[in-house]
Amino acid sequence: MEKKKQEKITVSKIPLQETRLFYWRYPQWKKLKDKLLPEILDHQANNPNPLPGSNDLCWRGRKEYKCQEDLLKPIGMLVACWLENYFPSKLFDVNVEYWTNINNPGGTNMIHNHVMASCHLSGVYYVQAENTGAIRFYTHEQLYNLIPDGMPYQGKIGHSPSDGDLLVWPSYLHHDAEVNLSSQERINVAFNVSLKEKKNVVNLQKYRDEKTRH
């Protein structure tokens, strides 16, 4: 008897939205920590009152550090990776605004997003973070418990940071931090990134090279 040929089914997967966390552990984190941590602690000592809106057991301060160029280097590199992934043929002006969080033992950061800051990306660089609790991310569906148990993406995404870890994500993404159950402070630099596309950019070097050839 001739076997009936099984019909092949072609299924298309159509993405509705993609939300990726970009992660990198900065190779030069020890050198940066040696420069940045003393400045942070000095800033806290001279300004013991946290900024308005800080969480309980959390000190928050805003200052342009002397080693700012060293701090912005890894941030800029990871933001460049994000831009290369989503806008590989475009150029952008990138503005970074940053502030410092120090979570004491027992401290936490409540769930929030950065939409009100009118920025495109947000992120965090961990100066001192080993065993101080994870940062957790929530999609809209997870936040409102709309996904039934056992279904894909039902669980929340978490990252337990080490010193030197750097994360970047879309500013609309909700996130919080676990309670710091360690005996040391969790110290990080959080930041927002605003992007402005460059248009009608003239590559002078390209025209110089063409002129030389002719």
C-alpha atoms as a PDB file:
ATOM      1  CA  MET A   1       0.000   0.000   0.000  1.00  0.00           C
ATOM      2  CA  GLU A   2       1.350   3.421  -0.908  1.00  0.00           C
ATOM      3  CA  LYS A   3       1.959   5.646   2.101  1.00  0.00           C
ATOM      4  CA  LYS A   4       0.160   8.920   2.064  1.00  0.00           C
ATOM      5  CA  LYS A   5       2.626  11.790   1.818  1.00  0.00           C
ATOM      6  CA  GLN A   6       2.459  13.955   4.915  1.00  0.00           C
ATOM      7  CA  GLU A   7       1.666  17.551   4.166  1.00  0.00           C
ATOM      8  CA  LYS A   8       4.262  19.998   5.460  1.00  0.00           C
ATOM      9  CA  ILE A   9       2.931  22.875   7.523  1.00  0.00           C
ATOM     10  CA  THR A  10       4.668  26.227   7.252  1.00  0.00           C
ATOM     11  CA  VAL A  11       4.243  28.452  10.298  1.00  0.00           C
ATOM     12  CA  SER A  12       5.291  32.077  10.446  1.00  0.00           C
ATOM     13  CA  LYS A  13       6.350  33.717  13.700  1.00  0.00           C
ATOM     14  CA  ILE A  14       5.437  37.373  13.648  1.00  0.00           C
ATOM     15  CA  PRO A  15       7.077  39.433  16.422  1.00  0.00           C
ATOM     16  CA  LEU A  16       4.826  42.025  18.005  1.00  0.00           C
ATOM     17  CA  GLN A  17       7.498  43.641  20.158  1.00  0.00           C
ATOM     18  CA  GLU A  18      11.057  42.986  21.178  1.00  0.00           C
ATOM     19  CA  THR A  19      12.460  44.164  24.479  1.00  0.00           C
ATOM     20  CA  ARG A  20      16.116  43.302  24.991  1.00  0.00           C
ATOM     21  CA  LEU A  21      18.329  44.002  27.982  1.00  0.00           C
ATOM     22  CA  PHE A  22      21.867  44.836  26.914  1.00  0.00           C
ATOM     23  CA  TYR A  23      24.443  43.582  29.425  1.00  0.00           C
ATOM     24  CA  TRP A  24      28.228  43.902  29.669  1.00  0.00           C
ATOM     25  CA  ARG A  25      30.732  43.524  32.487  1.00  0.00           C
ATOM     26  CA  TYR A  26      33.256  46.294  31.947  1.00  0.00           C
ATOM     27  CA  PRO A  27      36.774  44.761  31.807  1.00  0.00           C
ATOM     28  CA  GLN A  28      38.356  47.802  33.475  1.00  0.00           C
ATOM     29  CA  TRP A  29      35.849  47.889  36.340  1.00  0.00           C
ATOM     30  CA  LYS A  30      38.482  47.630  39.094  1.00  0.00           C
ATOM     31  CA  LYS A  31      40.338  50.723  37.876  1.00  0.00           C
ATOM     32  CA  LEU A  32      37.070  52.612  37.520  1.00  0.00           C
ATOM     33  CA  LYS A  33      35.952  51.559  41.005  1.00  0.00           C
ATOM     34  CA  ASP A  34      39.212  52.841  42.514  1.00  0.00           C
ATOM     35  CA  LYS A  35      38.511  56.256  40.982  1.00  0.00           C
ATOM     36  CA  LEU A  36      34.751  56.440  41.326  1.00  0.00           C
ATOM     37  CA  LEU A  37      34.023  54.967  44.760  1.00  0.00           C
ATOM     38  CA  PRO A  38      36.032  57.551  46.791  1.00  0.00           C
ATOM     39  CA  GLU A  39      34.263  60.366  44.920  1.00  0.00           C
ATOM     40  CA  ILE A  40      30.856  58.821  45.621  1.00  0.00           C
ATOM     41  CA  LEU A  41      31.532  58.362  49.338  1.00  0.00           C
ATOM     42  CA  ASP A  42      32.917  61.895  49.611  1.00  0.00           C
ATOM     43  CA  HIS A  43      29.825  63.243  47.847  1.00  0.00           C
ATOM     44  CA  GLN A  44      27.578  61.381  50.299  1.00  0.00           C
ATOM     45  CA  ALA A  45      29.560  62.579  53.317  1.00  0.00           C
ATOM     46  CA  ASN A  46      29.260  66.208  52.208  1.00  0.00           C
ATOM     47  CA  ASN A  47      25.576  65.844  51.265  1.00  0.00           C
ATOM     48  CA  PRO A  48      24.030  63.417  53.788  1.00  0.00           C
ATOM     49  CA  ASN A  49      20.436  64.263  52.881  1.00  0.00           C
ATOM     50  CA  PRO A  50      19.275  62.252  49.841  1.00  0.00           C
ATOM     51  CA  LEU A  51      17.530  63.816  46.864  1.00  0.00           C
ATOM     52  CA  PRO A  52      13.713  64.072  47.070  1.00  0.00           C
ATOM     53  CA  GLY A  53      11.954  60.881  46.009  1.00  0.00           C
ATOM     54  CA  SER A  54      14.654  58.544  47.314  1.00  0.00           C
ATOM     55  CA  ASN A  55      13.559  55.165  48.632  1.00  0.00           C
ATOM     56  CA  ASP A  56      13.777  54.238  52.324  1.00  0.00           C
ATOM     57  CA  LEU A  57      17.312  53.298  53.412  1.00  0.00           C
ATOM     58  CA  CYS A  58      18.575  54.642  50.095  1.00  0.00           C
ATOM     59  CA  TRP A  59      20.773  57.681  49.578  1.00  0.00           C
ATOM     60  CA  ARG A  60      20.520  59.313  46.157  1.00  0.00           C
ATOM     61  CA  GLY A  61      22.776  62.090  44.945  1.00  0.00           C
ATOM     62  CA  ARG A  62      23.562  63.904  41.718  1.00  0.00           C
ATOM     63  CA  LYS A  63      27.021  65.221  40.946  1.00  0.00           C
ATOM     64  CA  GLU A  64      29.372  65.511  37.990  1.00  0.00           C
ATOM     65  CA  TYR A  65      32.324  63.408  39.121  1.00  0.00           C
ATOM     66  CA  LYS A  66      35.930  64.245  38.302  1.00  0.00           C
ATOM     67  CA  CYS A  67      36.317  60.809  36.704  1.00  0.00           C
ATOM     68  CA  GLN A  68      33.198  61.355  34.597  1.00  0.00           C
ATOM     69  CA  GLU A  69      35.046  60.651  31.349  1.00  0.00           C
ATOM     70  CA  ASP A  70      36.072  57.228  32.679  1.00  0.00           C
ATOM     71  CA  LEU A  71      32.493  56.518  33.776  1.00  0.00           C
ATOM     72  CA  LEU A  72      30.890  57.593  30.491  1.00  0.00           C
ATOM     73  CA  LYS A  73      33.259  55.439  28.445  1.00  0.00           C
ATOM     74  CA  PRO A  74      31.642  52.042  29.221  1.00  0.00           C
ATOM     75  CA  ILE A  75      28.159  53.594  29.180  1.00  0.00           C
ATOM     76  CA  GLY A  76      28.826  55.067  25.742  1.00  0.00           C
ATOM     77  CA  MET A  77      30.200  51.780  24.440  1.00  0.00           C
ATOM     78  CA  LEU A  78      27.111  49.800  25.479  1.00  0.00           C
ATOM     79  CA  VAL A  79      24.727  52.471  24.155  1.00  0.00           C
ATOM     80  CA  ALA A  80      26.656  52.315  20.863  1.00  0.00           C
ATOM     81  CA  CYS A  81      26.006  48.554  20.756  1.00  0.00           C
ATOM     82  CA  TRP A  82      22.290  49.189  21.281  1.00  0.00           C
ATOM     83  CA  LEU A  83      22.217  51.744  18.476  1.00  0.00           C
ATOM     84  CA  GLU A  84      24.173  49.469  16.142  1.00  0.00           C
ATOM     85  CA  ASN A  85      21.624  46.714  16.762  1.00  0.00           C
ATOM     86  CA  TYR A  86      18.507  48.785  16.060  1.00  0.00           C
ATOM     87  CA  PHE A  87      19.743  51.667  13.871  1.00  0.00           C
ATOM     88  CA  PRO A  88      22.903  50.412  12.109  1.00  0.00           C
ATOM     89  CA  SER A  89      22.860  53.011   9.321  1.00  0.00           C
ATOM     90  CA  LYS A  90      22.009  56.109  11.369  1.00  0.00           C
ATOM     91  CA  LEU A  91      23.997  58.582  13.450  1.00  0.00           C
ATOM     92  CA  PHE A  92      22.843  60.044  16.764  1.00  0.00           C
ATOM     93  CA  ASP A  93      23.755  62.683  19.275  1.00  0.00           C
ATOM     94  CA  VAL A  94      23.683  60.980  22.678  1.00  0.00           C
ATOM     95  CA  ASN A  95      23.061  62.801  25.956  1.00  0.00           C
ATOM     96  CA  VAL A  96      23.617  60.941  29.255  1.00  0.00           C
ATOM     97  CA  GLU A  97      22.303  62.132  32.623  1.00  0.00           C
ATOM     98  CA  TYR A  98      23.371  60.132  35.673  1.00  0.00           C
ATOM     99  CA  TRP A  99      22.897  59.983  39.439  1.00  0.00           C
ATOM    100  CA  THR A 100      24.114  57.760  42.282  1.00  0.00           C
ATOM    101  CA  ASN A 101      22.158  55.309  44.446  1.00  0.00           C
ATOM    102  CA  ILE A 102      23.429  53.814  47.695  1.00  0.00           C
ATOM    103  CA  ASN A 103      21.158  51.132  49.163  1.00  0.00           C
ATOM    104  CA  ASN A 104      21.972  50.411  52.794  1.00  0.00           C
ATOM    105  CA  PRO A 105      21.432  46.880  54.134  1.00  0.00           C
ATOM    106  CA  GLY A 106      17.666  46.390  54.228  1.00  0.00           C
ATOM    107  CA  GLY A 107      17.129  48.976  51.491  1.00  0.00           C
ATOM    108  CA  THR A 108      15.354  48.470  48.195  1.00  0.00           C
ATOM    109  CA  ASN A 109      14.207  50.370  45.098  1.00  0.00           C
ATOM    110  CA  MET A 110      10.464  50.286  44.461  1.00  0.00           C
ATOM    111  CA  ILE A 111       9.074  49.327  41.065  1.00  0.00           C
ATOM    112  CA  HIS A 112       9.157  52.194  38.564  1.00  0.00           C
ATOM    113  CA  ASN A 113      10.047  53.233  35.025  1.00  0.00           C
ATOM    114  CA  HIS A 114      11.744  56.309  33.583  1.00  0.00           C
ATOM    115  CA  VAL A 115       9.092  57.465  31.120  1.00  0.00           C
ATOM    116  CA  MET A 116       8.534  60.776  32.926  1.00  0.00           C
ATOM    117  CA  ALA A 117      12.174  61.664  32.296  1.00  0.00           C
ATOM    118  CA  SER A 118      11.373  61.892  28.544  1.00  0.00           C
ATOM    119  CA  CYS A 119      14.389  59.756  27.675  1.00  0.00           C
ATOM    120  CA  HIS A 120      14.817  56.833  25.293  1.00  0.00           C
ATOM    121  CA  LEU A 121      17.060  54.463  27.248  1.00  0.00           C
ATOM    122  CA  SER A 122      17.883  53.894  30.894  1.00  0.00           C
ATOM    123  CA  GLY A 123      20.578  51.898  32.594  1.00  0.00           C
ATOM    124  CA  VAL A 124      22.724  51.207  35.616  1.00  0.00           C
ATOM    125  CA  TYR A 125      26.430  50.728  36.289  1.00  0.00           C
ATOM    126  CA  TYR A 126      27.232  48.750  39.439  1.00  0.00           C
ATOM    127  CA  VAL A 127      30.174  50.083  41.421  1.00  0.00           C
ATOM    128  CA  GLN A 128      29.670  47.789  44.437  1.00  0.00           C
ATOM    129  CA  ALA A 129      27.020  45.108  44.099  1.00  0.00           C
ATOM    130  CA  GLU A 130      28.222  41.588  44.896  1.00  0.00           C
ATOM    131  CA  ASN A 131      25.476  39.610  46.721  1.00  0.00           C
ATOM    132  CA  THR A 132      23.356  42.713  47.369  1.00  0.00           C
ATOM    133  CA  GLY A 133      20.218  41.573  45.524  1.00  0.00           C
ATOM    134  CA  ALA A 134      18.940  41.383  41.972  1.00  0.00           C
ATOM    135  CA  ILE A 135      17.472  44.004  39.710  1.00  0.00           C
ATOM    136  CA  ARG A 136      14.168  42.738  38.277  1.00  0.00           C
ATOM    137  CA  PHE A 137      12.331  43.695  35.069  1.00  0.00           C
ATOM    138  CA  TYR A 138       8.621  43.478  34.280  1.00  0.00           C
ATOM    139  CA  THR A 139       6.709  43.682  31.032  1.00  0.00           C
ATOM    140  CA  HIS A 140       3.184  45.093  31.142  1.00  0.00           C
ATOM    141  CA  GLU A 141       1.747  41.567  31.085  1.00  0.00           C
ATOM    142  CA  GLN A 142       3.946  40.420  33.953  1.00  0.00           C
ATOM    143  CA  LEU A 143       3.316  43.549  35.975  1.00  0.00           C
ATOM    144  CA  TYR A 144      -0.443  42.988  35.968  1.00  0.00           C
ATOM    145  CA  ASN A 145      -0.214  39.179  36.238  1.00  0.00           C
ATOM    146  CA  LEU A 146      -1.972  38.662  32.901  1.00  0.00           C
ATOM    147  CA  ILE A 147       0.066  35.576  31.902  1.00  0.00           C
ATOM    148  CA  PRO A 148      -1.268  32.239  33.241  1.00  0.00           C
ATOM    149  CA  ASP A 149       1.113  30.077  35.251  1.00  0.00           C
ATOM    150  CA  GLY A 150       3.240  27.800  33.118  1.00  0.00           C
ATOM    151  CA  MET A 151       2.985  29.905  29.959  1.00  0.00           C
ATOM    152  CA  PRO A 152       6.074  31.376  28.231  1.00  0.00           C
ATOM    153  CA  TYR A 153       7.349  34.643  29.719  1.00  0.00           C
ATOM    154  CA  GLN A 154       5.257  34.231  32.864  1.00  0.00           C
ATOM    155  CA  GLY A 155       8.324  34.584  35.079  1.00  0.00           C
ATOM    156  CA  LYS A 156       9.983  37.927  35.744  1.00  0.00           C
ATOM    157  CA  ILE A 157      13.499  38.604  34.457  1.00  0.00           C
ATOM    158  CA  GLY A 158      16.151  39.177  37.121  1.00  0.00           C
ATOM    159  CA  HIS A 159      19.890  39.879  37.130  1.00  0.00           C
ATOM    160  CA  SER A 160      22.110  39.497  40.208  1.00  0.00           C
ATOM    161  CA  PRO A 161      24.852  42.042  39.561  1.00  0.00           C
ATOM    162  CA  SER A 162      28.572  41.883  40.186  1.00  0.00           C
ATOM    163  CA  ASP A 163      30.901  44.856  40.523  1.00  0.00           C
ATOM    164  CA  GLY A 164      31.413  46.351  37.075  1.00  0.00           C
ATOM    165  CA  ASP A 165      28.156  45.103  35.552  1.00  0.00           C
ATOM    166  CA  LEU A 166      26.441  47.470  33.143  1.00  0.00           C
ATOM    167  CA  LEU A 167      22.835  47.186  31.904  1.00  0.00           C
ATOM    168  CA  VAL A 168      20.887  49.234  29.338  1.00  0.00           C
ATOM    169  CA  TRP A 169      17.162  48.915  28.532  1.00  0.00           C
ATOM    170  CA  PRO A 170      14.267  50.930  27.047  1.00  0.00           C
ATOM    171  CA  SER A 171      13.137  53.614  29.466  1.00  0.00           C
ATOM    172  CA  TYR A 172       9.532  52.368  29.487  1.00  0.00           C
ATOM    173  CA  LEU A 173      10.473  49.029  31.047  1.00  0.00           C
ATOM    174  CA  HIS A 174       9.360  48.636  34.677  1.00  0.00           C
ATOM    175  CA  HIS A 175      12.017  47.505  37.132  1.00  0.00           C
ATOM    176  CA  ASP A 176      12.819  47.299  40.825  1.00  0.00           C
ATOM    177  CA  ALA A 177      15.578  46.014  43.113  1.00  0.00           C
ATOM    178  CA  GLU A 178      15.429  43.273  45.683  1.00  0.00           C
ATOM    179  CA  VAL A 179      15.971  44.077  49.341  1.00  0.00           C
ATOM    180  CA  ASN A 180      19.672  44.317  50.109  1.00  0.00           C
ATOM    181  CA  LEU A 181      20.122  41.399  52.510  1.00  0.00           C
ATOM    182  CA  SER A 182      23.913  41.691  52.616  1.00  0.00           C
ATOM    183  CA  SER A 183      26.018  43.540  55.166  1.00  0.00           C
ATOM    184  CA  GLN A 184      27.466  45.977  52.622  1.00  0.00           C
ATOM    185  CA  GLU A 185      26.015  48.916  50.715  1.00  0.00           C
ATOM    186  CA  ARG A 186      24.770  48.434  47.152  1.00  0.00           C
ATOM    187  CA  ILE A 187      26.274  51.311  45.180  1.00  0.00           C
ATOM    188  CA  ASN A 188      25.406  52.066  41.583  1.00  0.00           C
ATOM    189  CA  VAL A 189      25.246  54.867  39.068  1.00  0.00           C
ATOM    190  CA  ALA A 190      21.892  54.984  37.264  1.00  0.00           C
ATOM    191  CA  PHE A 191      21.457  56.959  34.061  1.00  0.00           C
ATOM    192  CA  ASN A 192      19.061  58.084  31.342  1.00  0.00           C
ATOM    193  CA  VAL A 193      19.974  58.422  27.684  1.00  0.00           C
ATOM    194  CA  SER A 194      18.338  60.819  25.235  1.00  0.00           C
ATOM    195  CA  LEU A 195      18.883  60.300  21.511  1.00  0.00           C
ATOM    196  CA  LYS A 196      18.640  62.750  18.619  1.00  0.00           C
ATOM    197  CA  GLU A 197      19.194  61.536  15.092  1.00  0.00           C
ATOM    198  CA  LYS A 198      21.769  63.400  13.055  1.00  0.00           C
ATOM    199  CA  LYS A 199      20.525  64.288   9.572  1.00  0.00           C
ATOM    200  CA  ASN A 200      22.299  65.733   6.527  1.00  0.00           C
ATOM    201  CA  VAL A 201      25.669  64.895   8.050  1.00  0.00           C
ATOM    202  CA  VAL A 202      28.571  65.767   5.769  1.00  0.00           C
ATOM    203  CA  ASN A 203      31.497  63.353   5.923  1.00  0.00           C
ATOM    204  CA  LEU A 204      34.316  65.791   5.192  1.00  0.00           C
ATOM    205  CA  GLN A 205      37.003  63.111   5.216  1.00  0.00           C
ATOM    206  CA  LYS A 206      35.171  61.190   2.481  1.00  0.00           C
ATOM    207  CA  TYR A 207      35.121  64.255   0.222  1.00  0.00           C
ATOM    208  CA  ARG A 208      38.764  65.013   1.004  1.00  0.00           C
ATOM    209  CA  ASP A 209      39.699  61.480  -0.037  1.00  0.00           C
ATOM    210  CA  GLU A 210      37.735  61.786  -3.277  1.00  0.00           C
ATOM    211  CA  LYS A 211      39.373  65.133  -4.029  1.00  0.00           C
ATOM    212  CA  THR A 212      42.818  63.593  -3.499  1.00  0.00           C
ATOM    213  CA  ARG A 213      42.028  60.742  -5.912  1.00  0.00           C
ATOM    214  CA  HIS A 214      40.978  63.207  -8.608  1.00  0.00           C
END
